[in-house]
Amino acid sequence: MTSQTPATNDTPLRIIPLGGVGEIGKNMYVFEYGDDIVVIDCGLMFPDEEMFGIDLVIPDITYLKERRANVRAFLITHAHEDHVGALPYVLPEFPGVPVYASTLARGLLGNKIKEHKLHNNPLIGLEPGDQIPIGPFTVVPFRIGHSIPDAMGIALRTPVGTVVHTGDFKFDHTPVDGRLSDFHILAKLGEEGVICLLSDSTRAENPGYTPSERTVGDAFREIMEPLDGRVIVATFASNIARVQQVLDAAASFNRKVAVIGRSMEQNFRIASDLGYLTYDADRIVAKERIGDIAADKLVICTTGAQGEPMAGLARMANRDHRFVEIQAGDTVIVSASPIPGNEEYVARTIDNLFKAGANVFYHAIKRAHVSGHASQEELKLMLGLTKPRHFIPMHGEFRMQVQHGRLAIETGVAPENVFIIENGMPIEILADGTARRGTPVTAGYVYVDGLSVGDVGDVVLRDRRALANDGMFMVVVTVDKQTGHVVGRPEIITRGFVHLNEKDPIMAEAVRRVVTAIENPGDHISEVALLKSQIKDGVSRFLYEQTKRRPMVFPVVVEV
C-alpha cells in the first residue's frame, strides 16, 4: 500500500456526519479536504409512530448542495436501506457524480435507480483490495462480515493520515458465504497508523461476541425437522445470507421453496443472477403453484419480519394475501429482532398468526436470528487492530456511542481524543494529527411523504400530531359585511374531537361564545382576520375549560 502525500498546509480534513450518529438509520458521512468532498453512504430511516403520514426520513443535504461542485463521489459500504435508501432522492442534486459500490450493491442499486428513472450517475465497481484515487483521497475498501454479502469498510488515505470507516460489521469466523473479514488489511493499517476510526456502535451495550450467522441455519433445521406442515420464514429481503440458509435447510428435508413479496422476489432474482445464492432450480416453486405442493414439502420465504402492514407476513396473518392463507398446522419463523419503534407492529402480527392457528417462533422464544453487528469484544478487537489516534463512534443511538467511547478508552485511546457527537458536528483533523470540533452545520430530518420530498416540515407534523391527539373543531360563521353582525346560526363541524350533536350543552355554549366574540367589538365594521382570531381564542379557551383538550380550531368567516 502506498502512503498518501503528507499535508503541507493548514487545511484540515473535515469529517461531518449528516446522519447516522445519535440514531439508527440514515447513515451519511462527509469527508472534506479543501475543495474536495467524498460521501460515504446515503441512507434513509423509517419514520417513528409520531411522524404521521411520513413514508421515509432522509438526511438534510443543505451543506452538500451549497458545495455541489466539490462533491467527487458517493462510496457505498453495503446495500441496506439505511445506507443506500436516500440515493434516489439525493442523486438528482448531483448530476454526473459517480457512485462506487460492490457487485451485489450495484445489482440492487441498479434496480432502484432504474425505478426512479435516474441516468446521470455512473455506477462504478468498488471491491476489496482496490485502491482508487479520488482528488486528494485514496479509497481502500476492505471486506467485513455483516448480514448481507459484499459488505465493506472503507479506509480513506488523506493528506492528514488514514481514516478507517468500518461500515456495519461483525467478525464472523464462519460466514455463510465463506468470505472472512480482512483482518490482514486492518492490522496493516494499524501498523502504518490510523489517524481516526469511525466504528459501528449498534451493539456497544452487548457484552461478548455476536454469534455467527451460521447458527441461524442450525436453528432452522432444528425447528423444521419434526414438522409435517408448511414452514413460513419471514426475514429482511436484503438478508441474502439468511435466504441462503432457508434454501439449505429446506433442501436438508427435501422441501421446495417459494419466495414471496415484491422486494424479496426482486432481491432473490438479482442475487441469483450475480451468483450470491446457490440452489437446485427444481426446488423453487412459483407463488402461483403453492397450492399444488404438499404441506410437508413446502417452505415459504417472505418479507414482513418487522410487522409492516403491507408486507407479506402481515397480509398472510390478516387473511389478505393473494397466494397464502395461514392455516392450522403452519409454522412461522420470524427471523429478525424488532427494530426499535416496531415492537408493537411485530407483536400484533405475531398475535394474528397465533389467532389464525399457526405456531410461531419469534425473537423471545427461539433464536432464529442473530445480529449483523459487532458486540463489545469484537468492537475492542477492531480498536486493537487499527490502534486509532482519534475515535468517533457512529451508527448508534447516543447511549450506544457513549458505551463505545468507553470501550475505546479501555483499549488505549486518550479520553480527549474520543468524539461523541451529533449529526452536523464536524470533527477537523489537522496536519499535526490533532483534532477539534468545528462549527455545526445544518443536519436535520427531511421527510418524504408520497411524491413530495421536504415539503412536509416540522410545522405540518406538529399539526398532524395535534389533529391525531385532539381532533379538529371547525366553526363556520356568516357575518354582514356592512355591520359585522352574525347572520343566522354559526355552524360547527367536529372530527376526532367528540361526537357532538346540536342539542349538546357544550355545542350550544360554543355557538353562544362565537356570537359573543364577534359582537364584542361593537357596531363598527370588523376586520375578517381579527374576527377569526377572536373566534379561535374564545372557542379554544372554552373547549379547554370544558374538556381539558385542545382540538385545532378552524374559524371560517363568510361575509355577505
Protein backbone atom coordinates (compact mmCIF):
# COMPACT_ATOMS: atom_id res chain seq x y z
CA MET A 1 0.00 0.00 0.00
CA THR A 2 1.32 3.39 -0.94
CA SER A 3 1.21 6.11 1.66
CA GLN A 4 -0.59 9.37 0.94
CA THR A 5 1.33 12.60 0.30
CA PRO A 6 1.51 14.33 3.71
CA ALA A 7 -0.29 17.63 4.25
CA THR A 8 1.88 20.67 3.90
CA ASN A 9 -0.54 23.43 4.88
CA ASP A 10 -3.16 24.25 7.48
CA THR A 11 -6.07 22.71 5.56
CA PRO A 12 -7.88 20.32 7.94
CA LEU A 13 -9.69 17.12 7.00
CA ARG A 14 -13.33 17.69 7.97
CA ILE A 15 -15.46 14.67 8.93
CA ILE A 16 -19.15 15.61 9.08
CA PRO A 17 -21.97 13.15 9.84
CA LEU A 18 -25.19 14.35 8.15
CA GLY A 19 -26.98 11.28 9.51
CA GLY A 20 -26.23 8.11 11.44
CA VAL A 21 -24.98 9.41 14.82
CA GLY A 22 -27.35 9.62 17.77
CA GLU A 23 -29.74 7.40 15.79
CA ILE A 24 -30.02 4.10 13.94
CA GLY A 25 -30.51 4.85 10.25
CA LYS A 26 -29.98 7.48 7.52
CA ASN A 27 -26.22 6.98 7.54
CA MET A 28 -24.32 9.68 5.64
CA TYR A 29 -20.74 10.76 6.37
CA VAL A 30 -19.00 13.62 4.56
CA PHE A 31 -15.19 13.74 4.24
CA GLU A 32 -13.97 17.14 3.07
CA TYR A 33 -10.42 18.28 2.33
CA GLY A 34 -10.06 21.73 0.74
CA ASP A 35 -12.33 21.82 -2.30
CA ASP A 36 -12.89 18.05 -2.49
CA ILE A 37 -15.67 16.03 -0.86
CA VAL A 38 -16.40 12.30 -0.83
CA VAL A 39 -19.53 10.95 0.86
CA ILE A 40 -19.69 7.50 2.46
CA ASP A 41 -23.24 6.04 2.36
CA CYS A 42 -26.54 7.78 1.76
CA GLY A 43 -29.25 6.06 3.78
CA LEU A 44 -32.81 6.54 4.93
CA MET A 45 -34.61 5.99 8.21
CA PHE A 46 -38.13 4.66 8.71
CA PRO A 47 -40.47 7.09 10.49
CA ASP A 48 -41.40 6.67 14.14
CA GLU A 49 -45.04 6.49 15.23
CA GLU A 50 -45.14 10.27 15.88
CA MET A 51 -44.40 11.06 12.21
CA PHE A 52 -47.96 10.77 10.93
CA GLY A 53 -48.27 10.11 7.21
CA ILE A 54 -44.49 10.18 6.61
CA ASP A 55 -43.15 7.35 4.43
CA LEU A 56 -39.38 7.84 4.86
CA VAL A 57 -36.87 10.15 6.52
CA ILE A 58 -33.69 11.15 4.66
CA PRO A 59 -30.71 13.35 5.67
CA ASP A 60 -30.75 17.12 5.15
CA ILE A 61 -28.14 17.72 2.42
CA THR A 62 -28.15 21.55 2.54
CA TYR A 63 -24.40 21.51 3.34
CA LEU A 64 -23.63 19.41 0.24
CA LYS A 65 -25.94 21.37 -2.05
CA GLU A 66 -24.10 24.57 -1.11
CA ARG A 67 -20.86 22.83 -2.21
CA ARG A 68 -22.34 20.92 -5.14
CA ALA A 69 -19.31 21.46 -7.40
CA ASN A 70 -16.94 19.94 -4.78
CA VAL A 71 -18.68 16.56 -4.41
CA ARG A 72 -16.48 13.99 -6.17
CA ALA A 73 -18.07 10.62 -5.30
CA PHE A 74 -20.54 8.61 -3.22
CA LEU A 75 -18.94 5.50 -1.70
CA ILE A 76 -21.32 2.71 -0.62
CA THR A 77 -20.33 0.22 2.10
CA HIS A 78 -23.28 -2.18 1.54
CA ALA A 79 -26.80 -2.27 0.11
CA HIS A 80 -29.01 -2.00 3.20
CA GLU A 81 -31.69 0.72 3.02
CA ASP A 82 -30.22 2.65 5.97
CA HIS A 83 -27.06 3.07 3.86
CA VAL A 84 -28.39 3.45 0.28
CA GLY A 85 -32.12 4.26 0.56
CA ALA A 86 -31.75 8.04 0.20
CA LEU A 87 -29.73 7.86 -3.05
CA PRO A 88 -32.80 8.18 -5.36
CA TYR A 89 -33.73 11.44 -3.58
CA VAL A 90 -30.17 12.83 -3.29
CA LEU A 91 -28.53 11.94 -6.63
CA PRO A 92 -30.71 14.28 -8.76
CA GLU A 93 -28.95 17.16 -6.95
CA PHE A 94 -25.53 15.87 -8.08
CA PRO A 95 -25.67 15.01 -11.80
CA GLY A 96 -22.61 13.20 -13.08
CA VAL A 97 -21.20 12.36 -9.63
CA PRO A 98 -20.28 8.65 -9.65
CA VAL A 99 -21.49 6.06 -7.11
CA TYR A 100 -18.89 3.43 -6.16
CA ALA A 101 -20.29 0.13 -4.85
CA SER A 102 -19.66 -3.65 -4.75
CA THR A 103 -21.10 -6.10 -7.30
CA LEU A 104 -24.19 -7.03 -5.24
CA ALA A 105 -24.79 -3.42 -4.14
CA ARG A 106 -24.60 -2.29 -7.79
CA GLY A 107 -27.09 -5.00 -8.75
CA LEU A 108 -29.60 -3.96 -6.07
CA LEU A 109 -28.96 -0.24 -6.63
CA GLY A 110 -29.26 -0.52 -10.41
CA ASN A 111 -32.84 -1.66 -9.92
CA LYS A 112 -33.62 1.21 -7.53
CA ILE A 113 -32.04 3.79 -9.84
CA LYS A 114 -33.99 2.41 -12.83
CA GLU A 115 -37.28 2.64 -10.88
CA HIS A 116 -36.59 6.32 -10.14
CA LYS A 117 -35.51 7.00 -13.76
CA LEU A 118 -32.04 8.29 -12.79
CA HIS A 119 -29.46 8.03 -15.56
CA ASN A 120 -26.89 10.72 -14.75
CA ASN A 121 -24.77 8.97 -12.11
CA PRO A 122 -22.41 6.21 -13.26
CA LEU A 123 -22.28 3.11 -11.02
CA ILE A 124 -18.61 2.11 -10.68
CA GLY A 125 -17.19 -1.09 -9.18
CA LEU A 126 -15.60 -0.96 -5.72
CA GLU A 127 -14.13 -4.23 -4.50
CA PRO A 128 -11.95 -5.21 -1.51
CA GLY A 129 -8.29 -4.68 -2.37
CA ASP A 130 -8.92 -1.81 -4.81
CA GLN A 131 -7.02 1.46 -4.44
CA ILE A 132 -8.95 4.24 -6.15
CA PRO A 133 -7.60 7.82 -6.21
CA ILE A 134 -10.33 10.49 -5.96
CA GLY A 135 -8.93 14.03 -5.65
CA PRO A 136 -6.69 14.14 -2.56
CA PHE A 137 -8.13 10.83 -1.27
CA THR A 138 -7.23 7.23 -1.99
CA VAL A 139 -10.12 4.84 -1.33
CA VAL A 140 -9.11 1.41 0.03
CA PRO A 141 -12.15 -0.86 0.61
CA PHE A 142 -11.77 -3.98 2.78
CA ARG A 143 -14.07 -6.97 3.33
CA ILE A 144 -16.07 -7.13 6.55
CA GLY A 145 -18.74 -9.51 7.92
CA HIS A 146 -22.38 -8.35 8.07
CA SER A 147 -25.87 -9.65 7.32
CA ILE A 148 -25.57 -9.01 3.57
CA PRO A 149 -22.84 -10.32 1.24
CA ASP A 150 -20.16 -7.95 -0.08
CA ALA A 151 -20.26 -5.65 2.98
CA MET A 152 -17.15 -3.46 3.17
CA GLY A 153 -15.41 -0.99 5.38
CA ILE A 154 -13.51 1.86 3.74
CA ALA A 155 -10.05 3.18 4.57
CA LEU A 156 -9.56 6.71 3.24
CA ARG A 157 -5.96 7.79 2.78
CA THR A 158 -5.95 11.56 3.15
CA PRO A 159 -3.24 14.26 3.30
CA VAL A 160 -3.53 14.29 7.14
CA GLY A 161 -3.42 10.49 7.57
CA THR A 162 -5.56 7.37 7.12
CA VAL A 163 -9.17 7.35 8.32
CA VAL A 164 -10.95 3.98 8.74
CA HIS A 165 -14.76 3.80 8.41
CA THR A 166 -15.90 0.30 9.42
CA GLY A 167 -19.36 0.36 7.85
CA ASP A 168 -21.75 -2.05 9.60
CA PHE A 169 -19.74 -5.05 10.73
CA LYS A 170 -19.23 -8.07 12.90
CA PHE A 171 -16.33 -10.54 12.98
CA ASP A 172 -17.99 -13.79 11.83
CA HIS A 173 -15.37 -16.56 11.66
CA THR A 174 -17.77 -18.98 9.91
CA PRO A 175 -19.71 -16.79 7.44
CA VAL A 176 -22.33 -18.48 5.26
CA ASP A 177 -20.58 -17.38 2.04
CA GLY A 178 -17.13 -18.37 3.37
CA ARG A 179 -15.72 -14.85 2.86
CA LEU A 180 -13.90 -13.77 6.02
CA SER A 181 -13.33 -10.24 7.31
CA ASP A 182 -9.98 -8.88 6.14
CA PHE A 183 -8.01 -8.86 9.40
CA HIS A 184 -4.77 -8.58 7.42
CA ILE A 185 -5.60 -5.15 5.93
CA LEU A 186 -6.93 -3.87 9.28
CA ALA A 187 -3.72 -4.93 11.08
CA LYS A 188 -1.57 -3.45 8.29
CA LEU A 189 -3.46 -0.13 8.50
CA GLY A 190 -3.00 -0.19 12.28
CA GLU A 191 0.76 -0.70 11.88
CA GLU A 192 1.02 2.17 9.38
CA GLY A 193 -1.04 4.43 11.66
CA VAL A 194 -4.74 5.29 11.68
CA ILE A 195 -5.44 8.94 12.46
CA CYS A 196 -9.17 8.34 13.10
CA LEU A 197 -11.56 5.37 13.35
CA LEU A 198 -15.32 5.64 12.79
CA SER A 199 -16.91 2.43 14.06
CA ASP A 200 -20.37 0.80 14.26
CA SER A 201 -21.94 1.25 17.75
CA THR A 202 -25.23 -0.67 17.32
CA ARG A 203 -24.38 -3.38 19.87
CA ALA A 204 -21.88 -1.47 22.00
CA GLU A 205 -24.07 -2.23 25.05
CA ASN A 206 -23.90 -6.01 24.46
CA PRO A 207 -21.04 -7.90 26.14
CA GLY A 208 -19.18 -10.77 24.47
CA TYR A 209 -19.36 -11.72 20.80
CA THR A 210 -22.24 -11.69 18.30
CA PRO A 211 -22.96 -15.33 17.27
CA SER A 212 -22.13 -16.47 13.75
CA GLU A 213 -24.80 -16.23 11.05
CA ARG A 214 -24.33 -19.98 10.62
CA THR A 215 -26.06 -20.66 13.97
CA VAL A 216 -29.32 -19.48 12.34
CA GLY A 217 -29.13 -22.33 9.80
CA ASP A 218 -28.82 -24.80 12.71
CA ALA A 219 -31.89 -23.22 14.36
CA PHE A 220 -33.88 -23.51 11.10
CA ARG A 221 -33.03 -27.23 10.82
CA GLU A 222 -33.86 -27.86 14.47
CA ILE A 223 -37.28 -26.22 14.07
CA MET A 224 -38.10 -27.85 10.69
CA GLU A 225 -37.03 -31.43 11.44
CA PRO A 226 -40.11 -32.66 13.38
CA LEU A 227 -42.69 -30.70 11.35
CA ASP A 228 -45.18 -32.10 8.87
CA GLY A 229 -46.92 -28.80 7.96
CA ARG A 230 -45.86 -25.78 5.91
CA VAL A 231 -42.98 -23.65 7.17
CA ILE A 232 -43.08 -19.88 6.55
CA VAL A 233 -39.88 -17.92 7.22
CA ALA A 234 -40.05 -14.10 7.38
CA THR A 235 -36.85 -12.09 7.14
CA PHE A 236 -35.39 -8.93 5.57
CA ALA A 237 -35.42 -9.01 1.77
CA SER A 238 -31.81 -7.79 1.76
CA ASN A 239 -30.53 -10.53 4.09
CA ILE A 240 -29.23 -12.74 1.28
CA ALA A 241 -27.22 -14.96 3.68
CA ARG A 242 -30.43 -15.70 5.64
CA VAL A 243 -32.29 -16.61 2.43
CA GLN A 244 -29.42 -18.96 1.52
CA GLN A 245 -29.86 -20.71 4.86
CA VAL A 246 -33.60 -21.11 4.27
CA LEU A 247 -32.75 -22.74 0.91
CA ASP A 248 -30.15 -25.03 2.54
CA ALA A 249 -32.42 -26.06 5.44
CA ALA A 250 -35.31 -26.77 3.03
CA ALA A 251 -33.01 -28.96 0.91
CA SER A 252 -31.99 -30.93 4.03
CA PHE A 253 -35.63 -32.03 4.48
CA ASN A 254 -36.45 -32.37 0.78
CA ARG A 255 -38.80 -29.36 0.81
CA LYS A 256 -39.41 -26.96 -2.06
CA VAL A 257 -39.15 -23.17 -1.56
CA ALA A 258 -41.50 -20.39 -2.69
CA VAL A 259 -40.27 -16.79 -2.48
CA ILE A 260 -43.00 -14.17 -1.87
CA GLY A 261 -43.00 -10.37 -1.51
CA ARG A 262 -42.04 -7.80 -4.15
CA SER A 263 -38.68 -6.79 -2.64
CA MET A 264 -37.84 -10.39 -1.65
CA GLU A 265 -38.57 -11.69 -5.17
CA GLN A 266 -36.59 -8.84 -6.75
CA ASN A 267 -33.53 -9.33 -4.50
CA PHE A 268 -33.74 -13.12 -4.89
CA ARG A 269 -33.59 -12.75 -8.68
CA ILE A 270 -30.70 -10.25 -8.64
CA ALA A 271 -28.65 -12.23 -6.05
CA SER A 272 -29.22 -15.46 -8.03
CA ASP A 273 -28.19 -13.85 -11.33
CA LEU A 274 -24.99 -12.49 -9.70
CA GLY A 275 -24.13 -15.85 -8.12
CA TYR A 276 -24.74 -14.90 -4.47
CA LEU A 277 -27.39 -17.61 -3.99
CA THR A 278 -26.79 -21.27 -4.82
CA TYR A 279 -29.63 -23.81 -5.05
CA ASP A 280 -31.12 -26.51 -7.26
CA ALA A 281 -33.54 -24.73 -9.63
CA ASP A 282 -36.03 -27.63 -9.35
CA ARG A 283 -36.57 -26.76 -5.69
CA ILE A 284 -38.01 -23.29 -6.43
CA VAL A 285 -41.80 -23.08 -6.74
CA ALA A 286 -43.67 -20.19 -8.38
CA LYS A 287 -46.03 -18.49 -5.91
CA GLU A 288 -49.00 -19.33 -8.17
CA ARG A 289 -48.25 -23.07 -7.67
CA ILE A 290 -48.04 -23.06 -3.87
CA GLY A 291 -51.39 -24.90 -3.64
CA ASP A 292 -50.03 -27.83 -5.71
CA ILE A 293 -47.29 -28.71 -3.18
CA ALA A 294 -47.96 -30.96 -0.17
CA ALA A 295 -47.77 -29.04 3.14
CA ASP A 296 -44.88 -31.19 4.45
CA LYS A 297 -42.86 -30.47 1.31
CA LEU A 298 -43.04 -26.66 1.30
CA VAL A 299 -41.13 -23.72 2.77
CA ILE A 300 -42.28 -20.16 2.03
CA CYS A 301 -39.75 -17.33 2.34
CA THR A 302 -41.38 -13.92 2.71
CA THR A 303 -40.98 -10.31 3.86
CA GLY A 304 -42.67 -8.66 6.84
CA ALA A 305 -40.48 -9.68 9.79
CA GLN A 306 -40.90 -6.12 11.14
CA GLY A 307 -44.71 -6.33 11.11
CA GLU A 308 -45.01 -3.83 8.23
CA PRO A 309 -48.76 -3.66 7.49
CA MET A 310 -48.40 -4.09 3.70
CA ALA A 311 -45.67 -6.77 3.73
CA GLY A 312 -46.19 -10.47 3.09
CA LEU A 313 -46.38 -11.83 6.63
CA ALA A 314 -48.87 -9.26 7.98
CA ARG A 315 -51.14 -9.82 4.98
CA MET A 316 -51.00 -13.58 5.50
CA ALA A 317 -51.83 -13.07 9.18
CA ASN A 318 -54.78 -10.83 8.24
CA ARG A 319 -56.09 -13.31 5.60
CA ASP A 320 -55.47 -10.66 2.99
CA HIS A 321 -52.78 -12.39 0.90
CA ARG A 322 -53.46 -13.46 -2.66
CA PHE A 323 -51.44 -16.68 -2.55
CA VAL A 324 -51.10 -17.75 1.10
CA GLU A 325 -53.65 -18.02 3.88
CA ILE A 326 -52.38 -19.05 7.31
CA GLN A 327 -53.97 -22.29 8.48
CA ALA A 328 -53.76 -24.60 11.46
CA GLY A 329 -50.58 -26.68 11.23
CA ASP A 330 -48.46 -23.89 9.69
CA THR A 331 -45.22 -22.97 11.46
CA VAL A 332 -43.96 -19.40 11.13
CA ILE A 333 -40.35 -18.43 11.89
CA VAL A 334 -39.86 -14.67 12.36
CA SER A 335 -36.15 -14.42 11.62
CA ALA A 336 -35.44 -10.87 12.84
CA SER A 337 -35.44 -8.80 16.02
CA PRO A 338 -37.87 -5.88 16.11
CA ILE A 339 -36.25 -2.58 15.11
CA PRO A 340 -36.73 -0.07 18.00
CA GLY A 341 -40.15 1.52 17.46
CA ASN A 342 -41.55 -1.50 15.55
CA GLU A 343 -42.19 -3.71 18.59
CA GLU A 344 -45.94 -3.06 18.54
CA TYR A 345 -46.36 -3.92 14.84
CA VAL A 346 -44.35 -7.13 15.28
CA ALA A 347 -46.34 -8.16 18.39
CA ARG A 348 -49.65 -7.52 16.57
CA THR A 349 -48.58 -9.64 13.59
CA ILE A 350 -47.46 -12.50 15.86
CA ASP A 351 -50.79 -12.36 17.76
CA ASN A 352 -52.71 -12.53 14.47
CA LEU A 353 -50.61 -15.50 13.32
CA PHE A 354 -51.42 -17.39 16.54
CA LYS A 355 -55.13 -16.49 16.18
CA ALA A 356 -55.08 -17.94 12.65
CA GLY A 357 -53.83 -21.26 14.08
CA ALA A 358 -50.10 -21.10 13.28
CA ASN A 359 -47.28 -21.91 15.66
CA VAL A 360 -44.82 -19.01 15.74
CA PHE A 361 -41.11 -18.99 16.61
CA TYR A 362 -40.03 -15.40 17.25
CA HIS A 363 -37.20 -13.49 18.95
CA ALA A 364 -38.46 -14.07 22.52
CA ILE A 365 -39.00 -17.83 22.03
CA LYS A 366 -36.12 -19.15 19.93
CA ARG A 367 -33.03 -17.50 18.48
CA ALA A 368 -33.80 -17.95 14.78
CA HIS A 369 -31.96 -14.68 14.23
CA VAL A 370 -28.58 -13.17 15.00
CA SER A 371 -27.48 -9.57 14.63
CA GLY A 372 -25.19 -8.40 11.85
CA HIS A 373 -23.44 -6.01 14.25
CA ALA A 374 -20.38 -6.45 16.48
CA SER A 375 -20.68 -6.84 20.26
CA GLN A 376 -18.20 -5.41 22.78
CA GLU A 377 -15.36 -7.92 22.34
CA GLU A 378 -15.40 -7.51 18.54
CA LEU A 379 -15.50 -3.71 18.87
CA LYS A 380 -12.44 -3.92 21.14
CA LEU A 381 -10.74 -6.14 18.54
CA MET A 382 -11.42 -3.55 15.81
CA LEU A 383 -9.93 -0.85 18.06
CA GLY A 384 -6.97 -3.10 18.88
CA LEU A 385 -6.22 -3.90 15.23
CA THR A 386 -6.46 -0.32 13.93
CA LYS A 387 -4.95 1.44 17.01
CA PRO A 388 -6.52 4.82 16.09
CA ARG A 389 -5.30 8.14 17.49
CA HIS A 390 -8.82 9.61 17.38
CA PHE A 391 -12.15 7.81 17.63
CA ILE A 392 -15.71 8.67 16.52
CA PRO A 393 -18.39 6.12 17.50
CA MET A 394 -21.11 6.18 14.81
CA HIS A 395 -24.21 4.22 13.74
CA GLY A 396 -25.94 4.07 17.10
CA GLU A 397 -28.15 5.97 19.49
CA PHE A 398 -26.38 8.37 21.84
CA ARG A 399 -26.13 5.93 24.78
CA MET A 400 -24.55 3.32 22.46
CA GLN A 401 -21.98 5.85 21.28
CA VAL A 402 -21.13 6.68 24.93
CA GLN A 403 -20.60 2.96 25.73
CA HIS A 404 -18.47 2.55 22.60
CA GLY A 405 -16.40 5.60 23.61
CA ARG A 406 -15.73 3.93 26.98
CA LEU A 407 -14.52 0.76 25.22
CA ALA A 408 -12.14 2.90 23.14
CA ILE A 409 -10.67 4.49 26.28
CA GLU A 410 -10.24 0.99 27.80
CA THR A 411 -8.26 -0.08 24.72
CA GLY A 412 -5.90 2.89 24.95
CA VAL A 413 -7.45 5.83 23.05
CA ALA A 414 -6.86 9.06 25.01
CA PRO A 415 -10.20 10.28 26.52
CA GLU A 416 -9.79 13.73 24.93
CA ASN A 417 -9.48 12.01 21.50
CA VAL A 418 -12.91 10.31 21.73
CA PHE A 419 -15.57 12.42 19.99
CA ILE A 420 -19.17 11.54 20.84
CA ILE A 421 -21.05 13.84 18.50
CA GLU A 422 -24.44 14.53 16.98
CA ASN A 423 -25.41 14.96 13.33
CA GLY A 424 -23.95 18.11 11.79
CA MET A 425 -20.95 18.39 14.17
CA PRO A 426 -17.71 18.49 12.12
CA ILE A 427 -14.52 17.00 13.51
CA GLU A 428 -11.48 18.71 11.99
CA ILE A 429 -8.18 16.81 11.85
CA LEU A 430 -5.08 18.94 11.27
CA ALA A 431 -1.77 18.12 9.60
CA ASP A 432 -0.03 17.76 13.00
CA GLY A 433 -2.50 14.98 13.91
CA THR A 434 -4.54 16.99 16.42
CA ALA A 435 -8.33 17.14 16.16
CA ARG A 436 -11.02 19.62 17.23
CA ARG A 437 -14.75 20.19 16.95
CA GLY A 438 -15.83 22.62 14.21
CA THR A 439 -18.88 24.86 13.85
CA PRO A 440 -22.07 22.79 13.48
CA VAL A 441 -23.68 22.61 10.02
CA THR A 442 -27.33 22.03 9.03
CA ALA A 443 -28.24 18.37 9.55
CA GLY A 444 -31.89 17.70 10.28
CA TYR A 445 -34.65 15.45 9.01
CA VAL A 446 -36.12 15.71 5.51
CA TYR A 447 -39.49 13.97 5.29
CA VAL A 448 -40.64 12.00 2.24
CA ASP A 449 -44.45 11.96 2.06
CA GLY A 450 -45.78 10.31 -1.09
CA LEU A 451 -44.16 12.11 -4.01
CA SER A 452 -43.18 15.19 -2.01
CA VAL A 453 -39.65 15.40 -0.62
CA GLY A 454 -39.05 18.05 2.03
CA ASP A 455 -42.42 19.81 1.58
CA VAL A 456 -43.70 18.44 4.88
CA GLY A 457 -41.79 20.13 7.69
CA ASP A 458 -41.96 20.21 11.47
CA VAL A 459 -44.92 22.63 11.45
CA VAL A 460 -47.04 20.27 9.35
CA LEU A 461 -46.06 17.33 11.55
CA ARG A 462 -46.94 19.30 14.67
CA ASP A 463 -50.40 20.00 13.19
CA ARG A 464 -50.83 16.32 12.31
CA ARG A 465 -49.93 15.36 15.87
CA ALA A 466 -52.45 17.87 17.26
CA LEU A 467 -55.15 16.53 14.92
CA ALA A 468 -54.32 12.94 15.89
CA ASN A 469 -54.34 13.70 19.62
CA ASP A 470 -57.25 16.13 19.98
CA GLY A 471 -59.10 16.33 16.65
CA MET A 472 -60.50 19.44 14.98
CA PHE A 473 -63.34 21.86 15.64
CA MET A 474 -64.49 23.94 12.67
CA VAL A 475 -66.70 26.99 13.14
CA VAL A 476 -68.41 28.44 10.04
CA VAL A 477 -69.87 31.93 10.63
CA THR A 478 -71.72 34.19 8.21
CA VAL A 479 -71.44 37.94 9.00
CA ASP A 480 -72.97 41.06 7.47
CA LYS A 481 -70.24 42.85 5.53
CA GLN A 482 -71.59 46.31 6.45
CA THR A 483 -72.33 45.90 10.17
CA GLY A 484 -70.18 42.93 11.20
CA HIS A 485 -73.26 41.27 12.81
CA VAL A 486 -73.77 37.50 12.70
CA VAL A 487 -76.31 36.36 10.09
CA GLY A 488 -78.06 33.12 11.04
CA ARG A 489 -76.71 30.50 13.43
CA PRO A 490 -72.98 29.59 13.31
CA GLU A 491 -72.38 26.04 12.09
CA ILE A 492 -70.00 23.70 13.92
CA ILE A 493 -68.28 20.65 12.43
CA THR A 494 -66.05 18.39 14.55
CA ARG A 495 -63.75 15.50 13.58
CA GLY A 496 -61.86 13.33 16.05
CA PHE A 497 -62.83 15.56 18.99
CA VAL A 498 -66.05 14.20 20.49
CA HIS A 499 -69.23 13.23 18.68
CA LEU A 500 -71.46 16.20 19.44
CA ASN A 501 -75.00 16.88 18.32
CA GLU A 502 -76.59 20.30 18.13
CA LYS A 503 -78.56 19.83 21.36
CA ASP A 504 -75.40 19.14 23.34
CA PRO A 505 -74.86 21.87 26.00
CA ILE A 506 -71.17 22.23 25.00
CA MET A 507 -72.23 22.82 21.41
CA ALA A 508 -74.88 25.36 22.37
CA GLU A 509 -72.47 27.24 24.64
CA ALA A 510 -69.75 27.16 21.93
CA VAL A 511 -72.18 28.81 19.49
CA ARG A 512 -73.04 31.45 22.11
CA ARG A 513 -69.32 32.15 22.69
CA VAL A 514 -68.75 32.56 18.95
CA VAL A 515 -71.56 35.09 18.66
CA THR A 516 -70.27 36.96 21.73
CA ALA A 517 -66.73 37.03 20.35
CA ILE A 518 -67.94 38.58 17.10
CA GLU A 519 -70.44 41.05 18.57
CA ASN A 520 -67.92 42.21 21.17
CA PRO A 521 -66.17 44.94 19.14
CA GLY A 522 -69.47 46.89 18.82
CA ASP A 523 -71.13 48.12 15.65
CA HIS A 524 -68.06 49.12 13.65
CA ILE A 525 -67.06 47.04 10.64
CA SER A 526 -64.78 44.23 11.85
CA GLU A 527 -61.69 43.03 10.01
CA VAL A 528 -62.06 39.34 8.99
CA ALA A 529 -58.60 38.34 10.31
CA LEU A 530 -59.49 39.92 13.69
CA LEU A 531 -62.82 38.09 13.78
CA LYS A 532 -61.09 34.76 13.10
CA SER A 533 -58.58 35.39 15.84
CA GLN A 534 -61.36 36.30 18.34
CA ILE A 535 -63.37 33.17 17.48
CA LYS A 536 -60.31 30.94 17.70
CA ASP A 537 -59.20 32.32 21.09
CA GLY A 538 -62.69 32.31 22.60
CA VAL A 539 -63.62 28.80 21.43
CA SER A 540 -60.19 27.28 22.27
CA ARG A 541 -60.36 28.64 25.80
CA PHE A 542 -63.94 27.41 26.30
CA LEU A 543 -63.24 23.89 24.97
CA TYR A 544 -60.18 23.53 27.20
CA GLU A 545 -62.24 24.64 30.25
CA GLN A 546 -64.95 22.09 29.42
CA THR A 547 -62.92 19.09 28.20
CA LYS A 548 -59.24 19.73 29.13
CA ARG A 549 -58.42 19.08 25.46
CA ARG A 550 -57.06 21.37 22.77
CA PRO A 551 -58.54 20.49 19.37
CA MET A 552 -57.38 22.56 16.41
CA VAL A 553 -59.98 25.30 15.97
CA PHE A 554 -60.61 26.41 12.37
CA PRO A 555 -62.76 29.56 12.12
CA VAL A 556 -64.28 30.18 8.67
CA VAL A 557 -65.85 33.64 8.25
CA VAL A 558 -68.12 34.20 5.23
CA GLU A 559 -69.08 37.82 4.51
CA VAL A 560 -72.44 38.59 2.85
